[in-house]
Amino acid sequence: MTKEYIYLISPVRAVTPEQSQLIDSHEKKLEESHERIIFNPIRDAPQEDRTGYNIVMSELNFMHLASKNGGRADVLWNRGGIPSEGSRVDLGIAYALGLEINLVEVFNEDKPTGPQMAFMLIDKKNHSIKNNILKDSIDAALYKMETAKEAIINWETWDGLNATEDQEWQRIYLGLALGCLVKDPGFKIRMGQMVGYDPPEIKSYPKVIKEIENKI
């Protein structure tokens, strides 16, 4: 029997104990079927990685494998508190790879923070991608990337509770570019303009982008 591949998109760095409990509960339900292979970034990505490169690559490679085997991404989304930067990147990857996107849980739905642009992609009622203006913009960006075989990533430091739509779009855009990268070995990701400070002692997406660029 063919295995079902499921990637969990959920908060990692700023996950709360309550959210962690709900994420674990969903994963246990999925594990009741032995025909499923589940990737939970909190557990399965090498979080001790110094730059974040190996974290992103492990997540990306699993989603690529899932996309080739009819897999899906189950989303547990945090609309309040500290917005999840990684969830936005992961959603971009899942979209670029054509994964089915299934909304499972929404945390802090009544107290959203930040623009929540990425959440517009998820249709809670139908558990599918919405057909909206943002989707049209993403499809256009994805087509341009795939045609050029290149993406230049302009970056502004994630501002957490005060994140802007531009910052959120940059994370989605990076996810789209990573999806293109894993599908096409000839695809190139380059670092563009960097705004803000990237502390050398912590893992970050700018470090990941630069490491990818250095490996080209």
Protein backbone atom coordinates (compact mmCIF):
# COMPACT_ATOMS: atom_id res chain seq x y z
CA MET A 1 0.00 0.00 0.00
CA THR A 2 1.25 3.49 -0.89
CA LYS A 3 2.27 5.61 2.07
CA GLU A 4 0.52 8.94 2.65
CA TYR A 5 2.97 11.80 3.28
CA ILE A 6 1.76 14.61 5.56
CA TYR A 7 3.73 17.73 6.48
CA LEU A 8 2.62 19.76 9.50
CA ILE A 9 2.71 23.54 9.08
CA SER A 10 2.58 24.95 12.60
CA PRO A 11 4.36 27.39 14.94
CA VAL A 12 7.83 26.22 16.01
CA ARG A 13 9.99 28.89 17.61
CA ALA A 14 7.20 30.74 19.44
CA VAL A 15 4.89 27.75 19.97
CA THR A 16 3.03 27.87 23.29
CA PRO A 17 2.44 24.82 25.54
CA GLU A 18 -1.27 24.88 24.66
CA GLN A 19 -0.54 24.99 20.93
CA SER A 20 2.05 22.26 21.28
CA GLN A 21 -0.51 20.04 22.97
CA LEU A 22 -3.00 20.50 20.12
CA ILE A 23 -0.30 19.89 17.51
CA ASP A 24 0.73 16.68 19.29
CA SER A 25 -2.91 15.59 19.55
CA HIS A 26 -3.41 16.03 15.80
CA GLU A 27 -0.22 14.14 15.03
CA LYS A 28 -1.29 11.23 17.25
CA LYS A 29 -4.59 11.01 15.39
CA LEU A 30 -2.70 10.85 12.10
CA GLU A 31 -0.39 8.16 13.47
CA GLU A 32 -3.34 5.87 14.12
CA SER A 33 -2.97 4.90 10.48
CA HIS A 34 0.31 3.08 9.84
CA GLU A 35 0.07 4.04 6.16
CA ARG A 36 1.07 7.63 6.96
CA ILE A 37 4.50 9.24 7.13
CA ILE A 38 4.32 12.49 9.09
CA PHE A 39 6.86 15.29 9.26
CA ASN A 40 6.56 17.50 12.32
CA PRO A 41 9.25 20.24 12.11
CA ILE A 42 9.39 20.59 15.88
CA ARG A 43 10.56 16.99 16.12
CA ASP A 44 11.86 16.02 12.68
CA ALA A 45 13.85 19.06 11.54
CA PRO A 46 17.36 19.48 13.03
CA GLN A 47 16.46 22.48 15.18
CA GLU A 48 19.97 22.64 16.64
CA ASP A 49 21.33 23.68 13.24
CA ARG A 50 23.46 26.81 13.53
CA THR A 51 22.28 28.74 10.46
CA GLY A 52 18.93 27.12 9.70
CA TYR A 53 20.04 25.74 6.31
CA ASN A 54 19.70 22.08 7.28
CA ILE A 55 16.32 22.76 8.87
CA VAL A 56 14.98 24.29 5.68
CA MET A 57 16.47 21.59 3.46
CA SER A 58 14.99 18.75 5.53
CA GLU A 59 11.56 20.38 5.43
CA LEU A 60 11.85 21.16 1.73
CA ASN A 61 12.96 17.65 0.77
CA PHE A 62 10.07 16.06 2.68
CA MET A 63 7.51 18.34 1.04
CA HIS A 64 9.02 17.55 -2.35
CA LEU A 65 8.70 13.83 -1.61
CA ALA A 66 5.12 14.39 -0.45
CA SER A 67 4.30 16.27 -3.66
CA LYS A 68 5.47 13.31 -5.74
CA ASN A 69 3.35 10.89 -3.72
CA GLY A 70 0.03 12.71 -3.50
CA GLY A 71 0.79 14.07 -0.04
CA ARG A 72 -0.59 17.09 1.75
CA ALA A 73 0.19 19.83 4.24
CA ASP A 74 -1.91 20.01 7.39
CA VAL A 75 -1.99 23.57 8.74
CA LEU A 76 -2.30 24.57 12.38
CA TRP A 77 -2.25 28.35 12.09
CA ASN A 78 -1.60 30.97 14.76
CA ARG A 79 -3.57 34.15 14.05
CA GLY A 80 -2.69 35.80 17.37
CA GLY A 81 0.34 36.22 19.58
CA ILE A 82 3.70 36.18 17.81
CA PRO A 83 3.14 35.40 14.10
CA SER A 84 4.97 32.32 12.81
CA GLU A 85 7.55 33.39 10.25
CA GLY A 86 8.31 29.81 9.26
CA SER A 87 4.66 28.94 8.67
CA ARG A 88 4.52 31.57 5.95
CA VAL A 89 7.62 30.17 4.22
CA ASP A 90 6.27 26.62 4.54
CA LEU A 91 2.93 27.66 3.05
CA GLY A 92 4.76 29.14 0.05
CA ILE A 93 6.71 25.89 -0.43
CA ALA A 94 3.56 23.78 -0.20
CA TYR A 95 1.79 25.99 -2.74
CA ALA A 96 4.71 25.94 -5.19
CA LEU A 97 4.86 22.15 -4.98
CA GLY A 98 1.13 21.75 -5.51
CA LEU A 99 0.47 20.04 -2.19
CA GLU A 100 -3.09 19.75 -0.97
CA ILE A 101 -3.42 22.26 1.89
CA ASN A 102 -5.71 21.22 4.72
CA LEU A 103 -6.56 23.69 7.48
CA VAL A 104 -6.84 21.76 10.74
CA GLU A 105 -6.72 24.31 13.56
CA VAL A 106 -6.66 28.08 14.03
CA PHE A 107 -5.11 29.40 17.24
CA ASN A 108 -6.18 32.80 18.63
CA GLU A 109 -8.71 33.27 15.85
CA ASP A 110 -10.51 36.04 17.75
CA LYS A 111 -7.34 38.09 18.37
CA PRO A 112 -5.36 38.24 15.12
CA THR A 113 -2.03 40.08 15.01
CA GLY A 114 -0.17 41.30 11.96
CA PRO A 115 -1.57 41.46 8.43
CA GLN A 116 -2.36 37.70 8.21
CA MET A 117 -1.95 37.87 4.44
CA ALA A 118 -0.95 34.22 4.20
CA PHE A 119 -4.09 33.14 6.03
CA MET A 120 -6.08 34.57 3.10
CA LEU A 121 -4.81 31.63 1.06
CA ILE A 122 -6.58 29.10 3.25
CA ASP A 123 -10.30 28.58 2.90
CA LYS A 124 -11.40 27.34 6.31
CA LYS A 125 -14.82 26.26 5.07
CA ASN A 126 -13.63 24.19 2.13
CA HIS A 127 -10.13 23.34 3.39
CA SER A 128 -8.61 24.46 0.11
CA ILE A 129 -6.82 27.36 -1.56
CA LYS A 130 -9.00 30.41 -2.05
CA ASN A 131 -9.34 32.01 -5.44
CA ASN A 132 -8.50 35.61 -4.55
CA ILE A 133 -6.26 38.51 -5.46
CA LEU A 134 -3.37 37.18 -3.38
CA LYS A 135 -3.54 33.84 -5.16
CA ASP A 136 -3.39 35.64 -8.51
CA SER A 137 -0.30 37.55 -7.35
CA ILE A 138 1.34 34.34 -6.15
CA ASP A 139 0.58 32.53 -9.40
CA ALA A 140 2.11 35.44 -11.35
CA ALA A 141 5.23 35.46 -9.15
CA LEU A 142 5.59 31.70 -9.46
CA TYR A 143 5.26 31.82 -13.25
CA LYS A 144 7.89 34.57 -13.45
CA MET A 145 10.30 32.59 -11.27
CA GLU A 146 9.87 29.38 -13.22
CA THR A 147 10.36 31.20 -16.51
CA ALA A 148 13.47 33.09 -15.36
CA LYS A 149 14.81 30.08 -13.40
CA GLU A 150 15.84 32.55 -10.74
CA ALA A 151 14.49 34.43 -7.73
CA ILE A 152 16.08 37.44 -6.05
CA ILE A 153 14.99 37.68 -2.43
CA ASN A 154 14.76 41.15 -0.92
CA TRP A 155 14.51 40.84 2.84
CA GLU A 156 13.43 42.88 5.83
CA THR A 157 13.94 41.57 9.34
CA TRP A 158 10.78 39.94 10.71
CA ASP A 159 9.13 42.35 13.11
CA GLY A 160 6.97 39.83 14.95
CA LEU A 161 3.88 41.52 16.36
CA ASN A 162 4.42 44.52 14.07
CA ALA A 163 5.05 42.55 10.88
CA THR A 164 4.02 44.31 7.68
CA GLU A 165 2.45 42.95 4.51
CA ASP A 166 5.77 43.44 2.71
CA GLN A 167 7.57 41.33 5.31
CA GLU A 168 4.93 38.64 5.09
CA TRP A 169 5.02 38.62 1.31
CA GLN A 170 8.81 38.18 1.40
CA ARG A 171 8.37 34.99 3.46
CA ILE A 172 5.73 33.59 1.10
CA TYR A 173 7.92 34.55 -1.87
CA LEU A 174 10.92 32.74 -0.36
CA GLY A 175 8.76 29.65 0.06
CA LEU A 176 7.75 29.80 -3.60
CA ALA A 177 11.41 30.13 -4.60
CA LEU A 178 12.42 27.15 -2.44
CA GLY A 179 9.69 25.08 -4.08
CA CYS A 180 11.10 26.00 -7.50
CA LEU A 181 14.63 25.17 -6.31
CA VAL A 182 13.80 21.62 -5.26
CA LYS A 183 11.90 20.95 -8.50
CA ASP A 184 14.59 22.38 -10.80
CA PRO A 185 18.31 21.82 -10.03
CA GLY A 186 19.13 24.67 -12.42
CA PHE A 187 17.04 27.18 -10.47
CA LYS A 188 18.95 29.93 -8.63
CA ILE A 189 18.09 31.83 -5.45
CA ARG A 190 20.01 35.04 -4.80
CA MET A 191 20.04 37.47 -1.90
CA GLY A 192 18.87 40.95 -2.83
CA GLN A 193 18.54 43.97 -0.59
CA MET A 194 18.71 43.29 3.14
CA VAL A 195 17.00 45.70 5.55
CA GLY A 196 17.53 45.31 9.28
CA TYR A 197 20.02 43.44 11.44
CA ASP A 198 20.70 39.71 11.18
CA PRO A 199 22.40 38.65 14.47
CA PRO A 200 25.30 36.31 13.65
CA GLU A 201 24.58 34.00 16.59
CA ILE A 202 21.05 32.94 15.57
CA LYS A 203 19.65 30.90 12.69
CA SER A 204 17.77 32.95 10.12
CA TYR A 205 16.41 32.88 6.61
CA PRO A 206 19.00 35.39 5.29
CA LYS A 207 21.71 32.94 6.36
CA VAL A 208 19.85 30.14 4.58
CA ILE A 209 19.51 32.22 1.41
CA LYS A 210 23.22 33.09 1.43
CA GLU A 211 24.21 29.47 1.99
CA ILE A 212 22.02 28.36 -0.91
CA GLU A 213 23.57 31.06 -3.08
CA ASN A 214 27.08 29.95 -2.14
CA LYS A 215 26.29 26.38 -3.16
CA ILE A 216 25.15 27.38 -6.66
